[in-house]
Amino acid sequence: MAGGLRGFGLSVSNDELLKLVEEVDRDCALSGIHPARRSLEVPKRVCEKLGIAFVLGANTNPDLDKISSAHKFLYRSGDMGMGAVHTGVACHLDLFFRVDFPLIYGSVQLDFLKQTDASENQLRRIFQRKEDGEKFLSNIVDVFDIGGCIGNYHGFEQPNGMPMRYMRMAAFHNQAFSATLTGTYNLAGAVQSSLLCAELSTKAALLDIGKDEDFLKTRIGHNLDTAVQVLREESEFEVDHLSKEIGKLPHFVKSRYEEKKWTRLELAEIALASQSILANICRKVSGGSFQQLLDSQASDKQT
């Protein structure tokens, strides 16, 4: 970098500026400030160290612009994004697509299909067959309903206490297996995260009907069939749906140790079953769903 920066009588070279920005950014990182927040925090702190006064929203400040540019020099374009409220997965045949439930402020018009990383050609192929399109949209519904509940969006009532804690943990594992399936990794790594998602989701449902953690440890353990039986007897959850999806999952403990080569279709079934279990419980607990909006967009896509 050549040239220099001058502000209110202080002068530093661009190399000195970049060094200062790096040091401030490092301090912010080590103190736990998210990269997206550092895009404002770092320039502010650098200005304070250099004695530069500025007002956000005022006329362009060349000193502040230069500091911000130096900060961006340290990052890739995607490093400082806020990300999504929740990220899940949609499938078509043996292909996996990322689905983002985005941060939303105010009222917006969303094209739900554009919240996936599927190309236009792939979407056309998916919707050539009605059944494929319906399944793909069902995956999107699940991701959005999880995000609506976890993010406490309008129309979704967020539960308090332990049920919400378990649902958040389940959502964490939903994002973990989605990242694995949509990345360039050994996809078998998605199996245990999927099973954890299903187990934590089902236990969240039990907590929601008044069971405690001691009950989960002593009566349920990893046995989701027992959990379903309790829900069938004592709740209004869609137990038939939960039982059907749980039936698609491998044994929680045995699957850790068996040397099985999972096919992509088998992994898709496991992942989507786990995601569906979490989404179903989120819908029941929160009372919200994006199904109606997605039904409307699906109708438009198919006409």
C-alpha atoms as a PDB file:
ATOM      1  CA  MET A   1       0.000   0.000   0.000  1.00  0.00           C
ATOM      2  CA  ALA A   2       1.306   3.430  -0.881  1.00  0.00           C
ATOM      3  CA  GLY A   3       0.486   6.942   0.152  1.00  0.00           C
ATOM      4  CA  GLY A   4      -0.787   8.105   3.530  1.00  0.00           C
ATOM      5  CA  LEU A   5      -3.730   9.037   5.701  1.00  0.00           C
ATOM      6  CA  ARG A   6      -4.136  12.386   7.396  1.00  0.00           C
ATOM      7  CA  GLY A   7      -6.781  13.374   9.912  1.00  0.00           C
ATOM      8  CA  PHE A   8      -6.861  16.342  12.245  1.00  0.00           C
ATOM      9  CA  GLY A   9      -3.116  16.787  12.244  1.00  0.00           C
ATOM     10  CA  LEU A  10      -2.283  13.093  12.587  1.00  0.00           C
ATOM     11  CA  SER A  11      -0.531  11.358   9.725  1.00  0.00           C
ATOM     12  CA  VAL A  12       0.097   7.651   9.168  1.00  0.00           C
ATOM     13  CA  SER A  13       1.234   5.735   6.127  1.00  0.00           C
ATOM     14  CA  ASN A  14      -0.998   3.145   4.591  1.00  0.00           C
ATOM     15  CA  ASP A  15       1.286   0.392   5.855  1.00  0.00           C
ATOM     16  CA  GLU A  16       1.034   1.822   9.370  1.00  0.00           C
ATOM     17  CA  LEU A  17      -2.721   2.128   9.009  1.00  0.00           C
ATOM     18  CA  LEU A  18      -3.099  -1.483   7.898  1.00  0.00           C
ATOM     19  CA  LYS A  19      -0.976  -2.623  10.851  1.00  0.00           C
ATOM     20  CA  LEU A  20      -3.123  -0.608  13.261  1.00  0.00           C
ATOM     21  CA  VAL A  21      -6.351  -1.915  11.719  1.00  0.00           C
ATOM     22  CA  GLU A  22      -5.063  -5.491  11.977  1.00  0.00           C
ATOM     23  CA  GLU A  23      -4.180  -5.023  15.649  1.00  0.00           C
ATOM     24  CA  VAL A  24      -7.579  -3.521  16.482  1.00  0.00           C
ATOM     25  CA  ASP A  25      -9.387  -6.216  14.527  1.00  0.00           C
ATOM     26  CA  ARG A  26      -7.398  -8.889  16.335  1.00  0.00           C
ATOM     27  CA  ASP A  27      -8.356  -7.410  19.721  1.00  0.00           C
ATOM     28  CA  CYS A  28     -12.012  -7.376  18.686  1.00  0.00           C
ATOM     29  CA  ALA A  29     -11.844 -10.985  17.476  1.00  0.00           C
ATOM     30  CA  LEU A  30     -10.236 -12.199  20.705  1.00  0.00           C
ATOM     31  CA  SER A  31     -12.882 -10.375  22.746  1.00  0.00           C
ATOM     32  CA  GLY A  32     -15.649 -12.230  20.899  1.00  0.00           C
ATOM     33  CA  ILE A  33     -17.025  -9.526  18.605  1.00  0.00           C
ATOM     34  CA  HIS A  34     -18.624 -11.092  15.526  1.00  0.00           C
ATOM     35  CA  PRO A  35     -16.915 -10.326  12.172  1.00  0.00           C
ATOM     36  CA  ALA A  36     -20.071  -8.602  10.903  1.00  0.00           C
ATOM     37  CA  ARG A  37     -20.074  -6.233  13.878  1.00  0.00           C
ATOM     38  CA  ARG A  38     -16.364  -5.534  13.446  1.00  0.00           C
ATOM     39  CA  SER A  39     -17.059  -3.794  10.125  1.00  0.00           C
ATOM     40  CA  LEU A  40     -18.306  -0.866  12.257  1.00  0.00           C
ATOM     41  CA  GLU A  41     -16.469  -1.466  15.507  1.00  0.00           C
ATOM     42  CA  VAL A  42     -12.948  -1.612  14.066  1.00  0.00           C
ATOM     43  CA  PRO A  43     -13.106   1.670  12.078  1.00  0.00           C
ATOM     44  CA  LYS A  44     -14.647   3.364  15.125  1.00  0.00           C
ATOM     45  CA  ARG A  45     -11.846   2.211  17.401  1.00  0.00           C
ATOM     46  CA  VAL A  46      -9.153   3.097  14.858  1.00  0.00           C
ATOM     47  CA  CYS A  47     -10.617   6.581  14.528  1.00  0.00           C
ATOM     48  CA  GLU A  48     -10.504   6.946  18.299  1.00  0.00           C
ATOM     49  CA  LYS A  49      -6.828   5.921  18.371  1.00  0.00           C
ATOM     50  CA  LEU A  50      -5.972   8.386  15.585  1.00  0.00           C
ATOM     51  CA  GLY A  51      -8.034  11.205  17.059  1.00  0.00           C
ATOM     52  CA  ILE A  52     -10.376  11.353  14.055  1.00  0.00           C
ATOM     53  CA  ALA A  53     -13.890  12.637  14.692  1.00  0.00           C
ATOM     54  CA  PHE A  54     -16.743  11.375  12.534  1.00  0.00           C
ATOM     55  CA  VAL A  55     -20.543  11.166  12.489  1.00  0.00           C
ATOM     56  CA  LEU A  56     -22.246   8.108  11.029  1.00  0.00           C
ATOM     57  CA  GLY A  57     -24.793   9.048   8.410  1.00  0.00           C
ATOM     58  CA  ALA A  58     -23.208  12.421   7.795  1.00  0.00           C
ATOM     59  CA  ASN A  59     -21.382  13.441   4.650  1.00  0.00           C
ATOM     60  CA  THR A  60     -18.706  11.080   3.358  1.00  0.00           C
ATOM     61  CA  ASN A  61     -15.607  11.137   5.528  1.00  0.00           C
ATOM     62  CA  PRO A  62     -12.526  10.218   3.443  1.00  0.00           C
ATOM     63  CA  ASP A  63     -10.526   9.236   6.532  1.00  0.00           C
ATOM     64  CA  LEU A  64     -13.247   6.839   7.698  1.00  0.00           C
ATOM     65  CA  ASP A  65     -13.647   5.471   4.177  1.00  0.00           C
ATOM     66  CA  LYS A  66      -9.935   4.741   3.995  1.00  0.00           C
ATOM     67  CA  ILE A  67      -9.933   2.983   7.360  1.00  0.00           C
ATOM     68  CA  SER A  68     -12.933   0.880   6.303  1.00  0.00           C
ATOM     69  CA  SER A  69     -11.181  -0.017   3.056  1.00  0.00           C
ATOM     70  CA  ALA A  70      -8.089  -1.100   4.976  1.00  0.00           C
ATOM     71  CA  HIS A  71     -10.280  -3.274   7.199  1.00  0.00           C
ATOM     72  CA  LYS A  72     -11.983  -4.917   4.207  1.00  0.00           C
ATOM     73  CA  PHE A  73      -8.500  -5.700   2.897  1.00  0.00           C
ATOM     74  CA  LEU A  74      -8.216  -8.307   5.672  1.00  0.00           C
ATOM     75  CA  TYR A  75     -11.314 -10.266   4.710  1.00  0.00           C
ATOM     76  CA  ARG A  76     -12.991 -12.263   1.991  1.00  0.00           C
ATOM     77  CA  SER A  77     -16.348 -11.007   0.772  1.00  0.00           C
ATOM     78  CA  GLY A  78     -18.331 -13.596   2.735  1.00  0.00           C
ATOM     79  CA  ASP A  79     -16.463 -13.347   6.043  1.00  0.00           C
ATOM     80  CA  MET A  80     -18.342 -10.342   7.383  1.00  0.00           C
ATOM     81  CA  GLY A  81     -21.887 -11.319   6.467  1.00  0.00           C
ATOM     82  CA  MET A  82     -24.490 -11.660   9.212  1.00  0.00           C
ATOM     83  CA  GLY A  83     -25.594 -15.022   7.861  1.00  0.00           C
ATOM     84  CA  ALA A  84     -29.058 -16.494   8.192  1.00  0.00           C
ATOM     85  CA  VAL A  85     -31.318 -16.987  11.195  1.00  0.00           C
ATOM     86  CA  HIS A  86     -31.341 -20.669  10.328  1.00  0.00           C
ATOM     87  CA  THR A  87     -29.875 -22.815   7.572  1.00  0.00           C
ATOM     88  CA  GLY A  88     -31.181 -26.230   6.548  1.00  0.00           C
ATOM     89  CA  VAL A  89     -31.215 -28.485   3.525  1.00  0.00           C
ATOM     90  CA  ALA A  90     -33.473 -29.385   0.622  1.00  0.00           C
ATOM     91  CA  CYS A  91     -32.983 -32.388  -1.630  1.00  0.00           C
ATOM     92  CA  HIS A  92     -33.785 -33.437  -5.159  1.00  0.00           C
ATOM     93  CA  LEU A  93     -32.813 -36.972  -6.085  1.00  0.00           C
ATOM     94  CA  ASP A  94     -29.302 -37.276  -4.599  1.00  0.00           C
ATOM     95  CA  LEU A  95     -28.426 -33.564  -4.730  1.00  0.00           C
ATOM     96  CA  PHE A  96     -28.361 -31.374  -1.622  1.00  0.00           C
ATOM     97  CA  PHE A  97     -29.256 -27.680  -1.649  1.00  0.00           C
ATOM     98  CA  ARG A  98     -28.634 -25.112   1.051  1.00  0.00           C
ATOM     99  CA  VAL A  99     -31.753 -23.307   2.323  1.00  0.00           C
ATOM    100  CA  ASP A 100     -31.364 -20.045   4.266  1.00  0.00           C
ATOM    101  CA  PHE A 101     -34.020 -18.479   6.450  1.00  0.00           C
ATOM    102  CA  PRO A 102     -32.745 -14.890   6.234  1.00  0.00           C
ATOM    103  CA  LEU A 103     -32.671 -12.020   8.666  1.00  0.00           C
ATOM    104  CA  ILE A 104     -35.810  -9.995   7.995  1.00  0.00           C
ATOM    105  CA  TYR A 105     -36.536  -6.461   9.174  1.00  0.00           C
ATOM    106  CA  GLY A 106     -40.043  -5.102   8.650  1.00  0.00           C
ATOM    107  CA  SER A 107     -42.338  -6.436   5.937  1.00  0.00           C
ATOM    108  CA  VAL A 108     -40.737  -7.917   2.831  1.00  0.00           C
ATOM    109  CA  GLN A 109     -41.763  -9.972  -0.180  1.00  0.00           C
ATOM    110  CA  LEU A 110     -39.705 -13.159  -0.318  1.00  0.00           C
ATOM    111  CA  ASP A 111     -39.302 -15.569  -3.178  1.00  0.00           C
ATOM    112  CA  PHE A 112     -38.758 -18.674  -1.107  1.00  0.00           C
ATOM    113  CA  LEU A 113     -37.146 -20.599  -3.940  1.00  0.00           C
ATOM    114  CA  LYS A 114     -34.434 -17.937  -4.172  1.00  0.00           C
ATOM    115  CA  GLN A 115     -33.445 -18.724  -0.589  1.00  0.00           C
ATOM    116  CA  THR A 116     -31.855 -21.917  -1.908  1.00  0.00           C
ATOM    117  CA  ASP A 117     -28.633 -22.220  -3.884  1.00  0.00           C
ATOM    118  CA  ALA A 118     -30.366 -24.164  -6.653  1.00  0.00           C
ATOM    119  CA  SER A 119     -29.782 -22.769 -10.138  1.00  0.00           C
ATOM    120  CA  GLU A 120     -32.660 -21.697 -12.366  1.00  0.00           C
ATOM    121  CA  ASN A 121     -32.068 -24.731 -14.568  1.00  0.00           C
ATOM    122  CA  GLN A 122     -32.181 -27.020 -11.549  1.00  0.00           C
ATOM    123  CA  LEU A 123     -35.411 -25.429 -10.329  1.00  0.00           C
ATOM    124  CA  ARG A 124     -36.972 -25.922 -13.745  1.00  0.00           C
ATOM    125  CA  ARG A 125     -35.982 -29.569 -13.636  1.00  0.00           C
ATOM    126  CA  ILE A 126     -37.348 -30.017 -10.111  1.00  0.00           C
ATOM    127  CA  PHE A 127     -40.728 -28.541 -11.003  1.00  0.00           C
ATOM    128  CA  GLN A 128     -41.100 -30.548 -14.181  1.00  0.00           C
ATOM    129  CA  ARG A 129     -42.502 -33.283 -11.950  1.00  0.00           C
ATOM    130  CA  LYS A 130     -45.228 -32.229  -9.532  1.00  0.00           C
ATOM    131  CA  GLU A 131     -44.162 -34.724  -6.873  1.00  0.00           C
ATOM    132  CA  ASP A 132     -40.541 -33.547  -6.988  1.00  0.00           C
ATOM    133  CA  GLY A 133     -41.613 -29.921  -6.679  1.00  0.00           C
ATOM    134  CA  GLU A 134     -43.890 -30.654  -3.726  1.00  0.00           C
ATOM    135  CA  LYS A 135     -41.146 -32.538  -1.891  1.00  0.00           C
ATOM    136  CA  PHE A 136     -38.630 -29.772  -2.543  1.00  0.00           C
ATOM    137  CA  LEU A 137     -41.024 -27.123  -1.240  1.00  0.00           C
ATOM    138  CA  SER A 138     -41.821 -29.282   1.778  1.00  0.00           C
ATOM    139  CA  ASN A 139     -38.112 -29.220   2.644  1.00  0.00           C
ATOM    140  CA  ILE A 140     -38.141 -25.419   2.383  1.00  0.00           C
ATOM    141  CA  VAL A 141     -41.246 -25.206   4.578  1.00  0.00           C
ATOM    142  CA  ASP A 142     -39.462 -27.224   7.242  1.00  0.00           C
ATOM    143  CA  VAL A 143     -36.390 -24.965   7.240  1.00  0.00           C
ATOM    144  CA  PHE A 144     -38.481 -21.799   7.326  1.00  0.00           C
ATOM    145  CA  ASP A 145     -40.732 -23.052  10.124  1.00  0.00           C
ATOM    146  CA  ILE A 146     -37.681 -23.957  12.208  1.00  0.00           C
ATOM    147  CA  GLY A 147     -36.237 -20.491  11.529  1.00  0.00           C
ATOM    148  CA  GLY A 148     -39.538 -18.780  12.321  1.00  0.00           C
ATOM    149  CA  CYS A 149     -39.717 -20.507  15.690  1.00  0.00           C
ATOM    150  CA  ILE A 150     -36.049 -20.153  16.626  1.00  0.00           C
ATOM    151  CA  GLY A 151     -35.993 -16.542  15.425  1.00  0.00           C
ATOM    152  CA  ASN A 152     -39.267 -15.670  17.203  1.00  0.00           C
ATOM    153  CA  TYR A 153     -40.848 -14.235  14.052  1.00  0.00           C
ATOM    154  CA  HIS A 154     -44.336 -12.767  13.754  1.00  0.00           C
ATOM    155  CA  GLY A 155     -46.905 -15.545  13.952  1.00  0.00           C
ATOM    156  CA  PHE A 156     -44.562 -17.855  15.858  1.00  0.00           C
ATOM    157  CA  GLU A 157     -44.883 -18.061  19.639  1.00  0.00           C
ATOM    158  CA  GLN A 158     -41.541 -18.956  21.137  1.00  0.00           C
ATOM    159  CA  PRO A 159     -41.690 -21.357  24.114  1.00  0.00           C
ATOM    160  CA  ASN A 160     -39.846 -20.530  27.308  1.00  0.00           C
ATOM    161  CA  GLY A 161     -37.339 -22.480  29.322  1.00  0.00           C
ATOM    162  CA  MET A 162     -36.088 -25.977  28.646  1.00  0.00           C
ATOM    163  CA  PRO A 163     -38.178 -26.812  25.554  1.00  0.00           C
ATOM    164  CA  MET A 164     -36.669 -23.835  23.713  1.00  0.00           C
ATOM    165  CA  ARG A 165     -33.183 -24.723  24.886  1.00  0.00           C
ATOM    166  CA  TYR A 166     -33.515 -28.231  23.442  1.00  0.00           C
ATOM    167  CA  MET A 167     -35.013 -26.916  20.209  1.00  0.00           C
ATOM    168  CA  ARG A 168     -32.089 -24.531  19.786  1.00  0.00           C
ATOM    169  CA  MET A 169     -29.655 -27.400  20.312  1.00  0.00           C
ATOM    170  CA  ALA A 170     -31.578 -29.476  17.764  1.00  0.00           C
ATOM    171  CA  ALA A 171     -31.437 -26.581  15.301  1.00  0.00           C
ATOM    172  CA  PHE A 172     -27.676 -26.369  15.835  1.00  0.00           C
ATOM    173  CA  HIS A 173     -27.310 -29.992  14.711  1.00  0.00           C
ATOM    174  CA  ASN A 174     -29.729 -29.377  11.828  1.00  0.00           C
ATOM    175  CA  GLN A 175     -27.348 -26.691  10.590  1.00  0.00           C
ATOM    176  CA  ALA A 176     -24.352 -28.981  11.180  1.00  0.00           C
ATOM    177  CA  PHE A 177     -25.610 -31.821   9.004  1.00  0.00           C
ATOM    178  CA  SER A 178     -26.875 -29.354   6.394  1.00  0.00           C
ATOM    179  CA  ALA A 179     -23.409 -27.799   6.161  1.00  0.00           C
ATOM    180  CA  THR A 180     -21.848 -31.243   5.785  1.00  0.00           C
ATOM    181  CA  LEU A 181     -24.260 -32.363   3.073  1.00  0.00           C
ATOM    182  CA  THR A 182     -23.913 -29.155   1.053  1.00  0.00           C
ATOM    183  CA  GLY A 183     -20.120 -29.004   1.379  1.00  0.00           C
ATOM    184  CA  THR A 184     -17.224 -31.013  -0.006  1.00  0.00           C
ATOM    185  CA  TYR A 185     -16.895 -33.361   2.938  1.00  0.00           C
ATOM    186  CA  ASN A 186     -17.380 -37.026   3.745  1.00  0.00           C
ATOM    187  CA  LEU A 187     -21.174 -36.961   3.853  1.00  0.00           C
ATOM    188  CA  ALA A 188     -21.369 -39.823   6.345  1.00  0.00           C
ATOM    189  CA  GLY A 189     -20.482 -37.244   8.985  1.00  0.00           C
ATOM    190  CA  ALA A 190     -24.047 -35.974   8.702  1.00  0.00           C
ATOM    191  CA  VAL A 191     -25.556 -39.118  10.251  1.00  0.00           C
ATOM    192  CA  GLN A 192     -24.766 -38.462  13.923  1.00  0.00           C
ATOM    193  CA  SER A 193     -25.751 -34.791  13.692  1.00  0.00           C
ATOM    194  CA  SER A 194     -29.051 -35.868  12.128  1.00  0.00           C
ATOM    195  CA  LEU A 195     -29.699 -38.332  14.940  1.00  0.00           C
ATOM    196  CA  LEU A 196     -28.867 -35.732  17.592  1.00  0.00           C
ATOM    197  CA  CYS A 197     -31.255 -33.310  15.913  1.00  0.00           C
ATOM    198  CA  ALA A 198     -34.064 -35.889  15.984  1.00  0.00           C
ATOM    199  CA  GLU A 199     -33.413 -36.884  19.599  1.00  0.00           C
ATOM    200  CA  LEU A 200     -33.212 -33.333  20.944  1.00  0.00           C
ATOM    201  CA  SER A 201     -36.325 -32.336  19.006  1.00  0.00           C
ATOM    202  CA  THR A 202     -38.350 -35.224  20.405  1.00  0.00           C
ATOM    203  CA  LYS A 203     -37.121 -34.496  23.915  1.00  0.00           C
ATOM    204  CA  ALA A 204     -38.123 -30.839  23.454  1.00  0.00           C
ATOM    205  CA  ALA A 205     -41.667 -32.076  22.801  1.00  0.00           C
ATOM    206  CA  LEU A 206     -41.597 -34.098  26.021  1.00  0.00           C
ATOM    207  CA  LEU A 207     -40.346 -31.089  27.962  1.00  0.00           C
ATOM    208  CA  ASP A 208     -43.134 -29.037  26.423  1.00  0.00           C
ATOM    209  CA  ILE A 209     -45.783 -31.353  27.916  1.00  0.00           C
ATOM    210  CA  GLY A 210     -44.251 -31.083  31.378  1.00  0.00           C
ATOM    211  CA  LYS A 211     -41.640 -33.841  31.563  1.00  0.00           C
ATOM    212  CA  ASP A 212     -38.300 -32.982  33.174  1.00  0.00           C
ATOM    213  CA  GLU A 213     -34.712 -33.810  32.337  1.00  0.00           C
ATOM    214  CA  ASP A 214     -34.610 -36.603  34.923  1.00  0.00           C
ATOM    215  CA  PHE A 215     -37.469 -38.285  33.030  1.00  0.00           C
ATOM    216  CA  LEU A 216     -35.538 -37.902  29.779  1.00  0.00           C
ATOM    217  CA  LYS A 217     -32.455 -39.532  31.294  1.00  0.00           C
ATOM    218  CA  THR A 218     -34.106 -42.381  33.203  1.00  0.00           C
ATOM    219  CA  ARG A 219     -37.089 -43.230  30.978  1.00  0.00           C
ATOM    220  CA  ILE A 220     -36.086 -42.180  27.462  1.00  0.00           C
ATOM    221  CA  GLY A 221     -32.324 -42.199  26.961  1.00  0.00           C
ATOM    222  CA  HIS A 222     -31.815 -42.670  23.214  1.00  0.00           C
ATOM    223  CA  ASN A 223     -35.054 -44.641  22.751  1.00  0.00           C
ATOM    224  CA  LEU A 224     -37.222 -42.421  20.585  1.00  0.00           C
ATOM    225  CA  ASP A 225     -39.868 -45.134  20.214  1.00  0.00           C
ATOM    226  CA  THR A 226     -40.545 -44.838  23.950  1.00  0.00           C
ATOM    227  CA  ALA A 227     -40.668 -41.059  23.596  1.00  0.00           C
ATOM    228  CA  VAL A 228     -43.250 -41.361  20.814  1.00  0.00           C
ATOM    229  CA  GLN A 229     -45.384 -43.668  22.944  1.00  0.00           C
ATOM    230  CA  VAL A 230     -45.415 -41.117  25.766  1.00  0.00           C
ATOM    231  CA  LEU A 231     -46.334 -38.346  23.324  1.00  0.00           C
ATOM    232  CA  ARG A 232     -49.098 -40.518  21.862  1.00  0.00           C
ATOM    233  CA  GLU A 233     -50.627 -41.041  25.299  1.00  0.00           C
ATOM    234  CA  GLU A 234     -50.151 -37.574  26.758  1.00  0.00           C
ATOM    235  CA  SER A 235     -49.985 -34.955  24.004  1.00  0.00           C
ATOM    236  CA  GLU A 236     -51.557 -33.570  20.859  1.00  0.00           C
ATOM    237  CA  PHE A 237     -48.399 -33.706  18.748  1.00  0.00           C
ATOM    238  CA  GLU A 238     -48.660 -35.294  15.300  1.00  0.00           C
ATOM    239  CA  VAL A 239     -47.381 -38.598  16.640  1.00  0.00           C
ATOM    240  CA  ASP A 240     -48.071 -40.629  13.489  1.00  0.00           C
ATOM    241  CA  HIS A 241     -45.871 -38.258  11.491  1.00  0.00           C
ATOM    242  CA  LEU A 242     -43.132 -38.315  14.145  1.00  0.00           C
ATOM    243  CA  SER A 243     -43.238 -42.112  14.329  1.00  0.00           C
ATOM    244  CA  LYS A 244     -42.998 -42.423  10.552  1.00  0.00           C
ATOM    245  CA  GLU A 245     -39.955 -40.129  10.372  1.00  0.00           C
ATOM    246  CA  ILE A 246     -38.241 -41.749  13.359  1.00  0.00           C
ATOM    247  CA  GLY A 247     -38.683 -45.087  11.618  1.00  0.00           C
ATOM    248  CA  LYS A 248     -36.379 -43.859   8.837  1.00  0.00           C
ATOM    249  CA  LEU A 249     -33.471 -43.295  11.219  1.00  0.00           C
ATOM    250  CA  PRO A 250     -30.679 -45.780  12.003  1.00  0.00           C
ATOM    251  CA  HIS A 251     -30.021 -46.898  15.571  1.00  0.00           C
ATOM    252  CA  PHE A 252     -28.521 -44.006  17.489  1.00  0.00           C
ATOM    253  CA  VAL A 253     -25.669 -45.936  19.181  1.00  0.00           C
ATOM    254  CA  LYS A 254     -25.011 -48.786  16.754  1.00  0.00           C
ATOM    255  CA  SER A 255     -24.633 -46.395  13.818  1.00  0.00           C
ATOM    256  CA  ARG A 256     -21.611 -44.814  15.516  1.00  0.00           C
ATOM    257  CA  TYR A 257     -19.571 -47.969  15.164  1.00  0.00           C
ATOM    258  CA  GLU A 258     -20.801 -49.798  12.084  1.00  0.00           C
ATOM    259  CA  GLU A 259     -18.643 -49.538   8.974  1.00  0.00           C
ATOM    260  CA  LYS A 260     -21.453 -48.720   6.574  1.00  0.00           C
ATOM    261  CA  LYS A 261     -21.049 -46.917   3.308  1.00  0.00           C
ATOM    262  CA  TRP A 262     -24.096 -44.705   3.180  1.00  0.00           C
ATOM    263  CA  THR A 263     -25.491 -43.861  -0.230  1.00  0.00           C
ATOM    264  CA  ARG A 264     -26.449 -40.276  -0.965  1.00  0.00           C
ATOM    265  CA  LEU A 265     -30.108 -41.307  -1.146  1.00  0.00           C
ATOM    266  CA  GLU A 266     -29.909 -42.937   2.288  1.00  0.00           C
ATOM    267  CA  LEU A 267     -28.269 -39.832   3.727  1.00  0.00           C
ATOM    268  CA  ALA A 268     -30.965 -37.658   2.177  1.00  0.00           C
ATOM    269  CA  GLU A 269     -33.678 -39.754   3.819  1.00  0.00           C
ATOM    270  CA  ILE A 270     -31.992 -39.578   7.247  1.00  0.00           C
ATOM    271  CA  ALA A 271     -31.326 -35.838   7.080  1.00  0.00           C
ATOM    272  CA  LEU A 272     -34.769 -34.877   5.814  1.00  0.00           C
ATOM    273  CA  ALA A 273     -36.463 -37.116   8.401  1.00  0.00           C
ATOM    274  CA  SER A 274     -34.556 -35.415  11.227  1.00  0.00           C
ATOM    275  CA  GLN A 275     -35.247 -31.954   9.838  1.00  0.00           C
ATOM    276  CA  SER A 276     -38.924 -32.821   9.450  1.00  0.00           C
ATOM    277  CA  ILE A 277     -39.142 -33.998  13.075  1.00  0.00           C
ATOM    278  CA  LEU A 278     -37.717 -30.693  14.323  1.00  0.00           C
ATOM    279  CA  ALA A 279     -39.952 -28.664  11.995  1.00  0.00           C
ATOM    280  CA  ASN A 280     -43.071 -30.568  13.046  1.00  0.00           C
ATOM    281  CA  ILE A 281     -42.359 -29.926  16.714  1.00  0.00           C
ATOM    282  CA  CYS A 282     -41.555 -26.258  16.026  1.00  0.00           C
ATOM    283  CA  ARG A 283     -44.918 -25.851  14.276  1.00  0.00           C
ATOM    284  CA  LYS A 284     -46.830 -27.465  17.107  1.00  0.00           C
ATOM    285  CA  VAL A 285     -45.070 -25.588  19.891  1.00  0.00           C
ATOM    286  CA  SER A 286     -45.019 -22.172  18.172  1.00  0.00           C
ATOM    287  CA  GLY A 287     -48.363 -22.341  16.360  1.00  0.00           C
ATOM    288  CA  GLY A 288     -46.788 -20.830  13.239  1.00  0.00           C
ATOM    289  CA  SER A 289     -46.016 -22.011   9.707  1.00  0.00           C
ATOM    290  CA  PHE A 290     -45.046 -20.637   6.314  1.00  0.00           C
ATOM    291  CA  GLN A 291     -46.966 -23.432   4.574  1.00  0.00           C
ATOM    292  CA  GLN A 292     -49.728 -21.188   3.237  1.00  0.00           C
ATOM    293  CA  LEU A 293     -47.279 -18.726   1.677  1.00  0.00           C
ATOM    294  CA  LEU A 294     -45.235 -21.501   0.125  1.00  0.00           C
ATOM    295  CA  ASP A 295     -48.376 -23.178  -1.218  1.00  0.00           C
ATOM    296  CA  SER A 296     -49.218 -19.921  -2.988  1.00  0.00           C
ATOM    297  CA  GLN A 297     -45.744 -19.629  -4.534  1.00  0.00           C
ATOM    298  CA  ALA A 298     -45.780 -23.296  -5.555  1.00  0.00           C
ATOM    299  CA  SER A 299     -49.049 -22.731  -7.382  1.00  0.00           C
ATOM    300  CA  ASP A 300     -47.558 -19.767  -9.240  1.00  0.00           C
ATOM    301  CA  LYS A 301     -44.433 -21.793 -10.137  1.00  0.00           C
ATOM    302  CA  GLN A 302     -46.455 -24.644 -11.587  1.00  0.00           C
ATOM    303  CA  THR A 303     -48.831 -22.528 -13.738  1.00  0.00           C
END
